C-alpha cells in the first residue's frame, strides 16, 4: 500500500511538472539581434529588438538595386539599373511564436511567421549605368512573412505584401513588396 501511495504521489507530481512545462513562460531573445542580410536586390545591416512579448522593431540600412527597361527614368529602350541607399523601419508581430513554442519547434532568432508594416525610404542613387537618375521615394507596405533559423547564426527570411510607392511626395502608385533574404546574426 505504501508503494502504491508513493507511485501515486510521484505520478501527480510529474503531471504537475508536465502541465507547468506546457504552459510555461516562453520568451523571445532579450538581447537585440545584429546581423547582415543579402537578398535578390541588395545587402543590408539589420538591427531587431523586442518591445513587447511577440512584437519587435526591425531596422535595416543598406544598398538596394532598382532596375528596369524603357523610359521610366527617361532612358529610351535601354536596360537601366541604379544602386540606392535604403532605410527600412518595420514593426513586426510574430503571431505564431507561442504555437511554435508549444510544438517544441525552434524559436531562436525570432523563428516564426509575422505580420509587419514596412516603411522604406531611399535617397538618390549613388551609382547608375547610362546616367540614370532617380528621386527619393517612400514605400509603405503591409507584409506577411516568415523567418527560420538555419543553425545557430544563419537565418532565411521571406515576405510579401502590397502597398503604396510615393515619389517626390506627389506621385503615388501601387507597390509590390517581395523579400527573399539570407542573413547572419552576430
Protein backbone atom coordinates (compact mmCIF):
# COMPACT_ATOMS: atom_id res chain seq x y z
CA UNK A 1 0.00 0.00 0.00
CA UNK A 2 2.87 2.32 0.85
CA UNK A 3 4.44 1.67 -2.59
CA UNK A 4 1.12 2.50 -4.28
CA UNK A 5 0.92 5.75 -2.31
CA UNK A 6 4.48 6.70 -3.34
CA UNK A 7 3.72 5.91 -7.00
CA UNK A 8 0.53 7.99 -6.84
CA UNK A 9 2.41 10.96 -5.34
CA UNK A 10 5.18 10.65 -7.96
CA UNK A 11 2.61 10.43 -10.77
CA UNK A 12 0.73 13.51 -9.57
CA UNK A 13 3.99 15.41 -9.07
CA UNK A 14 5.25 14.53 -12.57
CA UNK A 15 1.87 15.52 -14.04
CA UNK A 16 2.06 18.97 -12.48
CA UNK A 17 5.57 19.42 -13.87
CA UNK A 18 4.37 18.49 -17.35
CA UNK A 19 1.46 20.90 -17.09
CA UNK A 20 3.78 23.61 -15.84
CA UNK A 21 6.21 22.95 -18.70
CA UNK A 22 3.45 23.13 -21.32
CA UNK A 23 2.03 26.40 -20.06
CA UNK A 24 5.44 27.69 -19.07
CA UNK A 25 6.75 31.08 -19.91
CA UNK A 26 8.27 31.46 -23.36
CA UNK A 27 10.37 34.43 -24.26
CA UNK A 28 11.95 35.72 -27.38
CA UNK A 29 15.60 36.66 -27.04
CA UNK A 30 16.12 39.50 -24.60
CA UNK A 31 19.14 40.77 -26.48
CA UNK A 32 18.74 42.76 -29.68
CA UNK A 33 19.80 40.94 -32.85
CA UNK A 34 22.50 42.47 -35.02
CA UNK A 35 23.33 41.00 -38.38
CA UNK A 36 23.71 41.28 -42.11
CA UNK A 37 21.26 40.18 -44.79
CA UNK A 38 21.69 39.62 -48.50
CA UNK A 39 18.76 39.36 -50.86
CA UNK A 40 17.97 39.25 -54.53
CA UNK A 41 18.43 43.00 -54.94
CA UNK A 42 20.76 44.25 -52.21
CA UNK A 43 22.57 43.87 -48.91
CA UNK A 44 21.66 45.34 -45.52
CA UNK A 45 22.76 45.69 -41.91
CA UNK A 46 19.89 44.70 -39.62
CA UNK A 47 19.01 45.50 -36.02
CA UNK A 48 15.96 43.93 -34.39
CA UNK A 49 14.85 44.48 -30.82
CA UNK A 50 11.89 43.22 -28.81
CA UNK A 51 9.48 45.80 -27.41
CA UNK A 52 6.60 43.51 -26.44
CA UNK A 53 6.13 39.80 -25.91
CA UNK A 54 5.60 38.89 -29.59
CA UNK A 55 6.47 42.23 -31.19
CA UNK A 56 9.78 43.56 -32.43
CA UNK A 57 11.11 46.57 -34.26
CA UNK A 58 13.29 45.64 -37.24
CA UNK A 59 15.54 48.33 -38.73
CA UNK A 60 17.57 47.73 -41.90
CA UNK A 61 20.04 50.04 -43.62
CA UNK A 62 21.88 49.17 -46.79
CA UNK A 63 22.10 49.35 -50.55
CA UNK A 64 19.36 48.18 -52.86
CA UNK A 65 19.25 47.79 -56.63
CA UNK A 66 16.43 49.19 -58.77
CA UNK A 67 16.33 48.26 -62.45
CA UNK A 68 14.09 48.39 -65.47
CA UNK A 69 13.85 48.99 -69.16
CA UNK A 70 12.33 51.87 -71.01
CA UNK A 71 11.56 55.44 -70.19
CA UNK A 72 10.74 55.12 -66.50
CA UNK A 73 13.81 57.20 -65.65
CA UNK A 74 13.97 58.95 -69.02
CA UNK A 75 16.20 56.43 -70.78
CA UNK A 76 14.68 55.19 -74.02
CA UNK A 77 14.63 51.43 -74.52
CA UNK A 78 17.84 50.50 -72.70
CA UNK A 79 18.14 48.40 -69.59
CA UNK A 80 18.99 50.65 -66.64
CA UNK A 81 19.91 49.99 -63.03
CA UNK A 82 20.71 52.13 -60.03
CA UNK A 83 22.33 51.45 -56.65
CA UNK A 84 20.25 53.17 -53.98
CA UNK A 85 20.83 53.64 -50.22
CA UNK A 86 17.76 52.45 -48.29
CA UNK A 87 16.48 52.64 -44.72
CA UNK A 88 13.62 50.42 -43.57
CA UNK A 89 11.72 50.57 -40.28
CA UNK A 90 9.42 47.64 -39.74
CA UNK A 91 7.39 46.79 -36.63
CA UNK A 92 6.68 43.05 -36.64
CA UNK A 93 4.14 40.92 -34.80
CA UNK A 94 5.25 37.25 -34.59
CA UNK A 95 1.76 35.80 -34.33
CA UNK A 96 2.59 32.08 -34.20
CA UNK A 97 5.55 32.21 -31.83
CA UNK A 98 3.67 30.63 -28.93
CA UNK A 99 2.27 27.89 -31.18
CA UNK A 100 5.79 27.04 -32.36
CA UNK A 101 6.97 27.02 -28.74
CA UNK A 102 4.16 24.66 -27.69
CA UNK A 103 5.07 22.28 -30.54
CA UNK A 104 8.70 22.44 -29.38
CA UNK A 105 9.87 23.98 -32.64
CA UNK A 106 12.86 26.28 -32.84
CA UNK A 107 12.01 29.90 -31.97
CA UNK A 108 15.58 31.19 -31.72
CA UNK A 109 16.38 34.39 -33.63
CA UNK A 110 12.62 35.08 -33.83
CA UNK A 111 11.89 32.00 -35.96
CA UNK A 112 8.17 32.38 -36.64
CA UNK A 113 5.62 33.81 -39.06
CA UNK A 114 4.91 37.51 -38.77
CA UNK A 115 2.81 40.45 -39.92
CA UNK A 116 4.67 43.71 -40.49
CA UNK A 117 4.21 47.27 -41.66
CA UNK A 118 7.26 48.01 -43.78
CA UNK A 119 8.18 51.68 -44.17
CA UNK A 120 11.15 52.04 -46.50
CA UNK A 121 12.75 55.19 -47.80
CA UNK A 122 15.52 55.69 -50.30
CA UNK A 123 17.61 58.63 -51.44
CA UNK A 124 19.00 59.46 -54.85
CA UNK A 125 21.17 56.73 -56.40
CA UNK A 126 24.86 56.54 -55.53
CA UNK A 127 25.64 54.68 -58.77
CA UNK A 128 23.83 54.17 -62.06
CA UNK A 129 24.53 52.97 -65.55
CA UNK A 130 23.56 55.12 -68.53
CA UNK A 131 23.43 58.22 -66.32
CA UNK A 132 20.08 57.17 -64.89
CA UNK A 133 18.82 59.37 -62.10
CA UNK A 134 16.18 58.80 -59.51
CA UNK A 135 14.22 60.65 -56.92
CA UNK A 136 13.87 59.99 -53.21
CA UNK A 137 10.95 57.67 -52.59
CA UNK A 138 8.93 56.10 -49.80
CA UNK A 139 7.30 52.65 -49.78
CA UNK A 140 4.64 51.76 -47.20
CA UNK A 141 3.74 48.08 -47.47
CA UNK A 142 1.90 45.78 -45.04
CA UNK A 143 3.56 42.36 -45.30
CA UNK A 144 3.15 38.75 -44.29
CA UNK A 145 6.43 36.94 -43.78
CA UNK A 146 8.32 34.16 -42.14
CA UNK A 147 11.75 33.73 -40.65
CA UNK A 148 13.53 30.47 -39.95
CA UNK A 149 16.84 29.79 -38.25
CA UNK A 150 19.32 27.72 -40.17
CA UNK A 151 21.62 26.62 -37.37
CA UNK A 152 22.71 28.98 -34.61
CA UNK A 153 23.53 32.14 -36.57
CA UNK A 154 22.08 31.85 -40.09
CA UNK A 155 18.52 32.81 -40.99
CA UNK A 156 16.22 32.62 -44.01
CA UNK A 157 13.51 35.24 -44.37
CA UNK A 158 10.80 35.84 -46.92
CA UNK A 159 7.89 38.29 -47.01
CA UNK A 160 5.26 39.52 -49.43
CA UNK A 161 2.83 42.42 -49.42
CA UNK A 162 1.05 45.08 -51.44
CA UNK A 163 1.19 48.76 -50.57
CA UNK A 164 1.96 52.19 -51.95
CA UNK A 165 5.03 53.79 -53.57
CA UNK A 166 5.37 57.56 -53.13
CA UNK A 167 7.95 59.53 -55.15
CA UNK A 168 8.64 63.23 -54.58
CA UNK A 169 5.66 63.27 -52.19
CA UNK A 170 3.42 63.86 -55.24
CA UNK A 171 3.21 60.64 -57.23
CA UNK A 172 1.69 57.55 -55.63
CA UNK A 173 1.47 54.13 -57.25
CA UNK A 174 0.78 50.56 -56.11
CA UNK A 175 3.88 48.75 -54.90
CA UNK A 176 4.61 45.05 -54.51
CA UNK A 177 6.88 44.17 -51.61
CA UNK A 178 8.77 40.91 -52.04
CA UNK A 179 11.67 39.93 -49.79
CA UNK A 180 13.84 36.83 -50.07
CA UNK A 181 16.85 37.16 -47.81
CA UNK A 182 19.54 35.09 -46.16
CA UNK A 183 21.26 36.51 -43.13
CA UNK A 184 23.90 36.04 -40.49
CA UNK A 185 23.16 37.05 -36.89
CA UNK A 186 26.19 38.13 -34.84
